[in-house]
Amino acid sequence: MTSPSLLVLALVDDDCSVRKSLARLLRLAGYAVSPFASAEEYLAAGLSPDLLLLDVRMPGMDGPALHTHLVARGDHTPVIFISAHDDVPAVVAAMRAGAADFLMKPVTEDTLLFAIDRAIGAHRSGR
């Protein structure tokens, strides 16, 4: 089990209510959370989080495009995609591109925290 108090999570979601509720949930679980309303805002911040929670569909640069951009520049931060849309091609593409997980909104607290723990653990063990 990872120690949440030592981890910084970035959350990129254009839906303000989702962003606020997920950030609140993660902070209550002990994580440091940096929320962003867009991929462009995230990139401008220059943050190097321990894990990136990333919405799939957003205006401007979408989640998969941001993930592709990060991988191309050598950033291998674990990514968990979250989406309200049942989009099988997006799931397959995300997993092939190296995403740690793909969760459907609304995501339960237990599911999200388990996915984060698993992604961080896998990343730390070099898988």
C-alpha atoms as a PDB file:
ATOM      1  CA  MET A   1       0.000   0.000   0.000  1.00  0.00           C
ATOM      2  CA  THR A   2       1.369   3.428  -0.932  1.00  0.00           C
ATOM      3  CA  SER A   3       1.480   6.298   1.541  1.00  0.00           C
ATOM      4  CA  PRO A   4      -0.929   8.957   0.213  1.00  0.00           C
ATOM      5  CA  SER A   5       0.644  11.775   2.226  1.00  0.00           C
ATOM      6  CA  LEU A   6       3.801  11.469   0.158  1.00  0.00           C
ATOM      7  CA  LEU A   7       2.078  11.557  -3.237  1.00  0.00           C
ATOM      8  CA  VAL A   8       1.122  14.448  -5.498  1.00  0.00           C
ATOM      9  CA  LEU A   9      -1.717  13.772  -7.903  1.00  0.00           C
ATOM     10  CA  ALA A  10      -2.626  15.995 -10.839  1.00  0.00           C
ATOM     11  CA  LEU A  11      -6.246  15.982 -11.911  1.00  0.00           C
ATOM     12  CA  VAL A  12      -7.198  17.296 -15.348  1.00  0.00           C
ATOM     13  CA  ASP A  13     -10.935  17.530 -16.031  1.00  0.00           C
ATOM     14  CA  ASP A  14     -12.895  20.297 -17.734  1.00  0.00           C
ATOM     15  CA  ASP A  15     -16.029  19.626 -15.653  1.00  0.00           C
ATOM     16  CA  CYS A  16     -15.734  21.903 -12.614  1.00  0.00           C
ATOM     17  CA  SER A  17     -18.065  19.846 -10.402  1.00  0.00           C
ATOM     18  CA  VAL A  18     -16.224  16.594 -11.175  1.00  0.00           C
ATOM     19  CA  ARG A  19     -12.865  18.261 -10.646  1.00  0.00           C
ATOM     20  CA  LYS A  20     -13.905  19.701  -7.278  1.00  0.00           C
ATOM     21  CA  SER A  21     -15.509  16.513  -5.985  1.00  0.00           C
ATOM     22  CA  LEU A  22     -12.611  14.276  -7.036  1.00  0.00           C
ATOM     23  CA  ALA A  23     -10.065  16.728  -5.609  1.00  0.00           C
ATOM     24  CA  ARG A  24     -11.966  16.822  -2.309  1.00  0.00           C
ATOM     25  CA  LEU A  25     -12.199  13.023  -2.154  1.00  0.00           C
ATOM     26  CA  LEU A  26      -8.488  12.610  -2.877  1.00  0.00           C
ATOM     27  CA  ARG A  27      -7.461  15.229  -0.330  1.00  0.00           C
ATOM     28  CA  LEU A  28      -9.583  13.506   2.314  1.00  0.00           C
ATOM     29  CA  ALA A  29      -7.765  10.270   1.411  1.00  0.00           C
ATOM     30  CA  GLY A  30      -4.462  12.022   2.192  1.00  0.00           C
ATOM     31  CA  TYR A  31      -3.158  12.956  -1.256  1.00  0.00           C
ATOM     32  CA  ALA A  32      -1.832  16.331  -2.331  1.00  0.00           C
ATOM     33  CA  VAL A  33      -3.959  17.270  -5.361  1.00  0.00           C
ATOM     34  CA  SER A  34      -3.332  19.814  -8.095  1.00  0.00           C
ATOM     35  CA  PRO A  35      -6.510  20.270 -10.176  1.00  0.00           C
ATOM     36  CA  PHE A  36      -6.499  21.667 -13.714  1.00  0.00           C
ATOM     37  CA  ALA A  37      -9.383  22.610 -16.023  1.00  0.00           C
ATOM     38  CA  SER A  38      -7.523  21.791 -19.246  1.00  0.00           C
ATOM     39  CA  ALA A  39      -4.550  19.962 -20.697  1.00  0.00           C
ATOM     40  CA  GLU A  40      -3.037  23.289 -21.672  1.00  0.00           C
ATOM     41  CA  GLU A  41      -3.314  24.568 -18.086  1.00  0.00           C
ATOM     42  CA  TYR A  42      -1.627  21.405 -16.828  1.00  0.00           C
ATOM     43  CA  LEU A  43       1.248  21.750 -19.312  1.00  0.00           C
ATOM     44  CA  ALA A  44       1.729  25.432 -18.453  1.00  0.00           C
ATOM     45  CA  ALA A  45       2.088  24.563 -14.753  1.00  0.00           C
ATOM     46  CA  GLY A  46       5.153  22.401 -15.405  1.00  0.00           C
ATOM     47  CA  LEU A  47       4.177  20.021 -12.616  1.00  0.00           C
ATOM     48  CA  SER A  48       5.770  16.585 -12.205  1.00  0.00           C
ATOM     49  CA  PRO A  49       3.135  14.645 -10.268  1.00  0.00           C
ATOM     50  CA  ASP A  50       3.377  11.088  -9.033  1.00  0.00           C
ATOM     51  CA  LEU A  51       0.194  10.248 -10.941  1.00  0.00           C
ATOM     52  CA  LEU A  52      -2.070  11.964 -13.465  1.00  0.00           C
ATOM     53  CA  LEU A  53      -5.858  11.527 -13.447  1.00  0.00           C
ATOM     54  CA  LEU A  54      -6.956  12.549 -16.896  1.00  0.00           C
ATOM     55  CA  ASP A  55     -10.375  13.091 -18.457  1.00  0.00           C
ATOM     56  CA  VAL A  56     -10.710  11.710 -21.990  1.00  0.00           C
ATOM     57  CA  ARG A  57     -12.947  14.289 -23.657  1.00  0.00           C
ATOM     58  CA  MET A  58     -12.068  17.945 -23.134  1.00  0.00           C
ATOM     59  CA  PRO A  59     -12.136  21.044 -25.329  1.00  0.00           C
ATOM     60  CA  GLY A  60      -8.806  21.903 -26.897  1.00  0.00           C
ATOM     61  CA  MET A  61      -6.238  19.206 -26.279  1.00  0.00           C
ATOM     62  CA  ASP A  62      -8.079  16.087 -25.122  1.00  0.00           C
ATOM     63  CA  GLY A  63      -6.781  13.522 -22.648  1.00  0.00           C
ATOM     64  CA  PRO A  64      -5.342  11.050 -25.156  1.00  0.00           C
ATOM     65  CA  ALA A  65      -3.533  13.880 -26.985  1.00  0.00           C
ATOM     66  CA  LEU A  66      -2.020  15.095 -23.709  1.00  0.00           C
ATOM     67  CA  HIS A  67      -0.928  11.567 -22.832  1.00  0.00           C
ATOM     68  CA  THR A  68       0.680  11.128 -26.270  1.00  0.00           C
ATOM     69  CA  HIS A  69       2.458  14.479 -25.857  1.00  0.00           C
ATOM     70  CA  LEU A  70       3.800  13.515 -22.425  1.00  0.00           C
ATOM     71  CA  VAL A  71       5.050  10.109 -23.582  1.00  0.00           C
ATOM     72  CA  ALA A  72       6.717  11.693 -26.645  1.00  0.00           C
ATOM     73  CA  ARG A  73       8.723  14.011 -24.404  1.00  0.00           C
ATOM     74  CA  GLY A  74       9.789  11.109 -22.177  1.00  0.00           C
ATOM     75  CA  ASP A  75       7.377  11.729 -19.304  1.00  0.00           C
ATOM     76  CA  HIS A  76       6.280   8.345 -17.988  1.00  0.00           C
ATOM     77  CA  THR A  77       4.078   9.547 -15.136  1.00  0.00           C
ATOM     78  CA  PRO A  78       1.398   6.913 -14.558  1.00  0.00           C
ATOM     79  CA  VAL A  79      -1.917   7.976 -16.082  1.00  0.00           C
ATOM     80  CA  ILE A  80      -5.405   6.897 -15.117  1.00  0.00           C
ATOM     81  CA  PHE A  81      -8.031   7.976 -17.620  1.00  0.00           C
ATOM     82  CA  ILE A  82     -11.520   8.791 -16.415  1.00  0.00           C
ATOM     83  CA  SER A  83     -14.481   9.208 -18.725  1.00  0.00           C
ATOM     84  CA  ALA A  84     -18.242   9.559 -18.675  1.00  0.00           C
ATOM     85  CA  HIS A  85     -18.391   8.055 -22.159  1.00  0.00           C
ATOM     86  CA  ASP A  86     -18.380   4.350 -22.920  1.00  0.00           C
ATOM     87  CA  ASP A  87     -15.833   4.601 -25.735  1.00  0.00           C
ATOM     88  CA  VAL A  88     -14.165   1.223 -26.368  1.00  0.00           C
ATOM     89  CA  PRO A  89     -11.714   2.541 -29.004  1.00  0.00           C
ATOM     90  CA  ALA A  90     -10.561   5.243 -26.568  1.00  0.00           C
ATOM     91  CA  VAL A  91     -10.039   2.633 -23.838  1.00  0.00           C
ATOM     92  CA  VAL A  92      -8.032   0.382 -26.151  1.00  0.00           C
ATOM     93  CA  ALA A  93      -5.924   3.280 -27.442  1.00  0.00           C
ATOM     94  CA  ALA A  94      -5.240   4.548 -23.911  1.00  0.00           C
ATOM     95  CA  MET A  95      -4.147   1.152 -22.656  1.00  0.00           C
ATOM     96  CA  ARG A  96      -1.945   0.548 -25.711  1.00  0.00           C
ATOM     97  CA  ALA A  97      -0.319   3.943 -25.113  1.00  0.00           C
ATOM     98  CA  GLY A  98       0.624   2.831 -21.606  1.00  0.00           C
ATOM     99  CA  ALA A  99      -2.193   4.132 -19.412  1.00  0.00           C
ATOM    100  CA  ALA A 100      -2.307   2.471 -16.003  1.00  0.00           C
ATOM    101  CA  ASP A 101      -6.103   2.261 -15.970  1.00  0.00           C
ATOM    102  CA  PHE A 102      -9.337   3.534 -17.487  1.00  0.00           C
ATOM    103  CA  LEU A 103     -12.263   4.257 -15.159  1.00  0.00           C
ATOM    104  CA  MET A 104     -15.845   5.184 -15.959  1.00  0.00           C
ATOM    105  CA  LYS A 105     -17.559   8.149 -14.287  1.00  0.00           C
ATOM    106  CA  PRO A 106     -19.066   8.188 -11.828  1.00  0.00           C
ATOM    107  CA  VAL A 107     -16.236   6.312 -10.184  1.00  0.00           C
ATOM    108  CA  THR A 108     -16.588   5.023  -6.638  1.00  0.00           C
ATOM    109  CA  GLU A 109     -14.128   6.061  -3.964  1.00  0.00           C
ATOM    110  CA  ASP A 110     -12.919   2.491  -3.450  1.00  0.00           C
ATOM    111  CA  THR A 111     -12.411   1.892  -7.172  1.00  0.00           C
ATOM    112  CA  LEU A 112     -10.491   5.132  -7.623  1.00  0.00           C
ATOM    113  CA  LEU A 113      -8.254   4.671  -4.587  1.00  0.00           C
ATOM    114  CA  PHE A 114      -7.526   1.059  -5.531  1.00  0.00           C
ATOM    115  CA  ALA A 115      -6.620   2.102  -9.108  1.00  0.00           C
ATOM    116  CA  ILE A 116      -4.296   4.836  -7.805  1.00  0.00           C
ATOM    117  CA  ASP A 117      -2.580   2.475  -5.389  1.00  0.00           C
ATOM    118  CA  ARG A 118      -2.151  -0.174  -8.092  1.00  0.00           C
ATOM    119  CA  ALA A 119      -0.798   2.346 -10.646  1.00  0.00           C
ATOM    120  CA  ILE A 120       1.715   3.844  -8.212  1.00  0.00           C
ATOM    121  CA  GLY A 121       2.809   0.385  -7.075  1.00  0.00           C
ATOM    122  CA  ALA A 122       3.308  -0.811 -10.651  1.00  0.00           C
ATOM    123  CA  HIS A 123       5.218   2.344 -11.547  1.00  0.00           C
ATOM    124  CA  ARG A 124       7.503   2.028  -8.530  1.00  0.00           C
ATOM    125  CA  SER A 125       8.255  -1.594  -9.298  1.00  0.00           C
ATOM    126  CA  GLY A 126       9.192  -0.656 -12.854  1.00  0.00           C
ATOM    127  CA  ARG A 127       6.405  -2.420 -14.713  1.00  0.00           C
END
